[in-house]
N, C-alpha and C. Protein backbone atom coordinates (compact mmCIF):
# COMPACT_ATOMS: atom_id res chain seq x y z
N UNK A 1 -3.92 -4.71 6.37
CA UNK A 1 -4.44 -4.26 5.16
C UNK A 1 -3.70 -2.89 4.57
N UNK A 2 -2.88 -2.37 5.20
CA UNK A 2 -2.28 -1.17 4.81
C UNK A 2 -1.08 -1.59 3.99
N UNK A 3 -0.40 -2.85 4.28
CA UNK A 3 0.59 -3.62 3.37
C UNK A 3 0.18 -3.70 2.07
N UNK A 4 -1.18 -4.17 2.19
CA UNK A 4 -1.99 -4.57 0.63
C UNK A 4 -2.01 -3.19 0.03
N UNK A 5 -2.63 -2.32 0.64
CA UNK A 5 -3.00 -0.96 -0.11
C UNK A 5 -1.77 -0.02 -0.44
N UNK A 6 -0.79 -0.34 0.56
CA UNK A 6 0.70 0.33 0.05
C UNK A 6 1.14 0.13 -1.34
N UNK A 7 1.11 -1.51 -1.65
CA UNK A 7 1.50 -1.76 -2.75
C UNK A 7 0.71 -1.53 -4.31
N UNK A 8 -0.73 -1.63 -3.68
CA UNK A 8 -1.65 -1.18 -4.62
C UNK A 8 -1.45 0.23 -5.28
N UNK A 9 -1.40 1.01 -4.19
CA UNK A 9 -1.32 2.31 -4.72
C UNK A 9 -0.26 2.50 -5.31
N UNK A 10 1.29 1.82 -4.91
CA UNK A 10 2.62 1.86 -5.72
C UNK A 10 2.19 1.48 -7.24
N UNK A 11 1.64 0.54 -7.36
CA UNK A 11 1.51 0.13 -8.66
C UNK A 11 0.20 0.59 -9.70
N UNK A 12 -0.41 1.10 -8.95
CA UNK A 12 -1.51 1.70 -9.70
C UNK A 12 -1.43 3.25 -9.96
N UNK A 13 -0.78 3.92 -9.24
CA UNK A 13 -0.71 5.35 -9.32
C UNK A 13 0.68 5.83 -9.04
N UNK A 14 1.74 4.94 -8.81
CA UNK A 14 2.92 5.48 -8.93
C UNK A 14 3.42 6.12 -7.27
N UNK A 15 4.26 6.99 -7.42
CA UNK A 15 4.90 7.50 -6.40
C UNK A 15 3.61 8.52 -5.86
N UNK A 16 3.76 8.68 -4.56
CA UNK A 16 2.72 9.31 -4.04
C UNK A 16 2.73 10.78 -4.34
N UNK A 17 1.83 11.18 -4.70
CA UNK A 17 1.64 12.66 -5.34
C UNK A 17 0.51 13.68 -4.64
N UNK A 18 0.42 13.55 -3.37
CA UNK A 18 -0.75 14.16 -2.70
C UNK A 18 0.00 14.59 -1.30
N UNK A 19 -0.37 15.77 -0.92
CA UNK A 19 0.16 16.18 0.10
C UNK A 19 -0.28 15.50 1.80
N UNK A 20 0.85 15.26 2.48
CA UNK A 20 0.23 14.72 3.81
C UNK A 20 -0.92 15.14 4.41
N UNK A 21 -1.81 14.66 4.88
CA UNK A 21 -3.02 14.83 5.57
C UNK A 21 -2.91 15.37 6.86
N UNK A 22 -3.76 16.06 7.48
CA UNK A 22 -3.26 16.42 8.99
C UNK A 22 -3.34 15.43 9.83
N UNK A 23 -2.49 15.35 11.02
CA UNK A 23 -2.23 14.25 11.82
C UNK A 23 -3.79 13.74 12.49
N UNK A 24 -4.71 14.50 12.37
CA UNK A 24 -5.90 14.24 13.24
C UNK A 24 -6.76 13.49 12.39
N UNK A 25 -6.58 13.31 11.07
CA UNK A 25 -7.29 12.65 10.04
C UNK A 25 -6.41 11.16 10.05
N UNK A 26 -6.56 10.27 11.26
CA UNK A 26 -5.83 9.01 11.30
C UNK A 26 -5.97 8.15 10.24
N UNK A 27 -6.99 7.64 9.70
CA UNK A 27 -7.05 6.64 8.67
C UNK A 27 -6.14 7.15 7.47
N UNK A 28 -6.49 8.53 7.21
CA UNK A 28 -5.92 9.40 5.83
C UNK A 28 -4.56 9.39 5.99
N UNK A 29 -4.00 9.39 7.30
CA UNK A 29 -2.50 9.67 7.51
C UNK A 29 -1.98 8.50 7.33
N UNK A 30 -2.61 7.25 7.93
CA UNK A 30 -2.07 5.90 8.00
C UNK A 30 -1.97 5.71 6.48
N UNK A 31 -2.93 5.52 5.79
CA UNK A 31 -2.92 5.29 4.44
C UNK A 31 -1.65 5.92 3.69
N UNK A 32 -1.46 7.30 3.99
CA UNK A 32 -0.56 8.38 3.36
C UNK A 32 0.66 7.62 3.64
N UNK A 33 0.93 7.26 5.16
CA UNK A 33 2.24 6.77 5.43
C UNK A 33 2.73 5.66 4.69
N UNK A 34 1.67 4.76 4.89
CA UNK A 34 2.23 3.44 4.14
C UNK A 34 2.53 3.56 2.41
N UNK A 35 1.65 4.43 1.76
CA UNK A 35 2.07 4.73 0.11
C UNK A 35 3.18 5.21 0.30
N UNK A 36 3.54 6.26 1.18
CA UNK A 36 4.59 7.03 0.94
C UNK A 36 5.96 6.08 1.34
N UNK A 37 5.91 5.16 1.92
CA UNK A 37 6.94 4.31 2.62
C UNK A 37 7.40 3.30 1.54
N UNK A 38 6.54 3.24 0.12
CA UNK A 38 7.01 2.74 -1.19
C UNK A 38 7.47 3.37 -2.03
N UNK A 39 7.56 4.46 -1.72
CA UNK A 39 8.04 5.47 -2.94
C UNK A 39 8.99 5.05 -4.00
N UNK A 40 9.85 4.21 -3.65
CA UNK A 40 11.10 4.20 -4.31
C UNK A 40 11.02 2.75 -5.08
N UNK A 41 9.85 2.03 -4.75
CA UNK A 41 9.76 0.68 -5.19
C UNK A 41 9.04 0.61 -6.70
N UNK A 42 9.98 -0.28 -7.42
CA UNK A 42 9.50 -0.27 -8.92
C UNK A 42 8.29 -0.95 -8.89
N UNK A 43 7.46 -0.55 -9.89
CA UNK A 43 5.83 -1.03 -10.34
C UNK A 43 5.87 -2.61 -9.98
N UNK A 44 6.69 -3.33 -10.79
CA UNK A 44 7.05 -4.67 -10.98
C UNK A 44 7.18 -4.94 -9.73
N UNK A 45 7.73 -4.60 -8.65
CA UNK A 45 8.07 -5.08 -7.27
C UNK A 45 6.49 -4.99 -6.61
N UNK A 46 6.15 -3.77 -6.83
CA UNK A 46 4.94 -3.54 -5.93
C UNK A 46 4.03 -4.55 -6.37
N UNK A 47 3.82 -4.92 -7.57
CA UNK A 47 2.40 -5.76 -8.12
C UNK A 47 3.09 -7.35 -7.41
N UNK A 48 4.15 -7.72 -7.70
CA UNK A 48 4.46 -8.83 -7.03
C UNK A 48 4.12 -8.91 -5.31
N UNK A 49 4.76 -7.98 -4.51
CA UNK A 49 4.27 -7.78 -3.29
C UNK A 49 2.78 -7.72 -3.11
N UNK A 50 1.94 -7.22 -3.62
CA UNK A 50 0.59 -7.14 -3.71
C UNK A 50 -0.22 -8.24 -3.85
N UNK A 51 0.51 -9.05 -5.01
CA UNK A 51 -0.17 -10.46 -5.09
C UNK A 51 0.24 -11.22 -3.85
N UNK A 52 1.44 -11.25 -3.69
CA UNK A 52 1.78 -12.09 -2.27
C UNK A 52 0.99 -11.84 -1.14
N UNK A 53 0.67 -10.80 -0.89
CA UNK A 53 -0.19 -10.30 0.34
C UNK A 53 -1.55 -10.88 0.14
N UNK A 54 -2.06 -10.22 -0.78
CA UNK A 54 -3.53 -10.88 -1.11
C UNK A 54 -3.38 -12.25 -1.12
N UNK A 55 -2.68 -13.32 -1.62
CA UNK A 55 -2.41 -14.56 -1.36
C UNK A 55 -2.52 -15.22 -0.10
N UNK A 56 -1.61 -14.29 0.59
CA UNK A 56 -1.28 -14.70 2.19
C UNK A 56 -2.90 -14.43 2.89
N UNK A 57 -3.42 -13.38 2.66
CA UNK A 57 -4.80 -13.05 3.28
C UNK A 57 -6.08 -14.17 2.83
N UNK A 58 -5.65 -14.63 1.61
CA UNK A 58 -6.75 -15.49 1.12
C UNK A 58 -6.80 -16.92 1.90
N UNK A 59 -5.12 -17.43 2.15
CA UNK A 59 -4.86 -18.27 2.82
C UNK A 59 -5.36 -18.50 4.19
N UNK A 60 -5.21 -17.38 4.87
CA UNK A 60 -5.47 -16.91 6.42
C UNK A 60 -6.79 -17.40 6.49
N UNK A 61 -7.95 -16.75 5.58
CA UNK A 61 -9.23 -16.72 5.60
C UNK A 61 -9.86 -18.07 5.30
N UNK A 62 -9.15 -18.97 4.47
CA UNK A 62 -9.63 -20.27 3.95
C UNK A 62 -9.01 -21.40 4.95
N UNK A 63 -8.17 -20.94 5.68
CA UNK A 63 -7.81 -22.44 6.39
C UNK A 63 -7.68 -21.75 7.85
C-alpha cells in the first residue's frame, strides 16, 4: 500500500512539504518516508507508477 500512496502523494501534492513526524508515530513516519522517497520523480512518472500499482493490486484481488 505504501508504494501506491507514495506515488499518489507525489502526483497530487508534489514534493514532500511537511516535516518528518516523530519516530514513535509509526504509520505517519512510514507514509512520510514513502512520500519522501519519490521527491525527485516527475509528476507524469508518478501518475504512471500509481496506475500500474493500482492495476496490479486489482489483478491480485480478482484472480
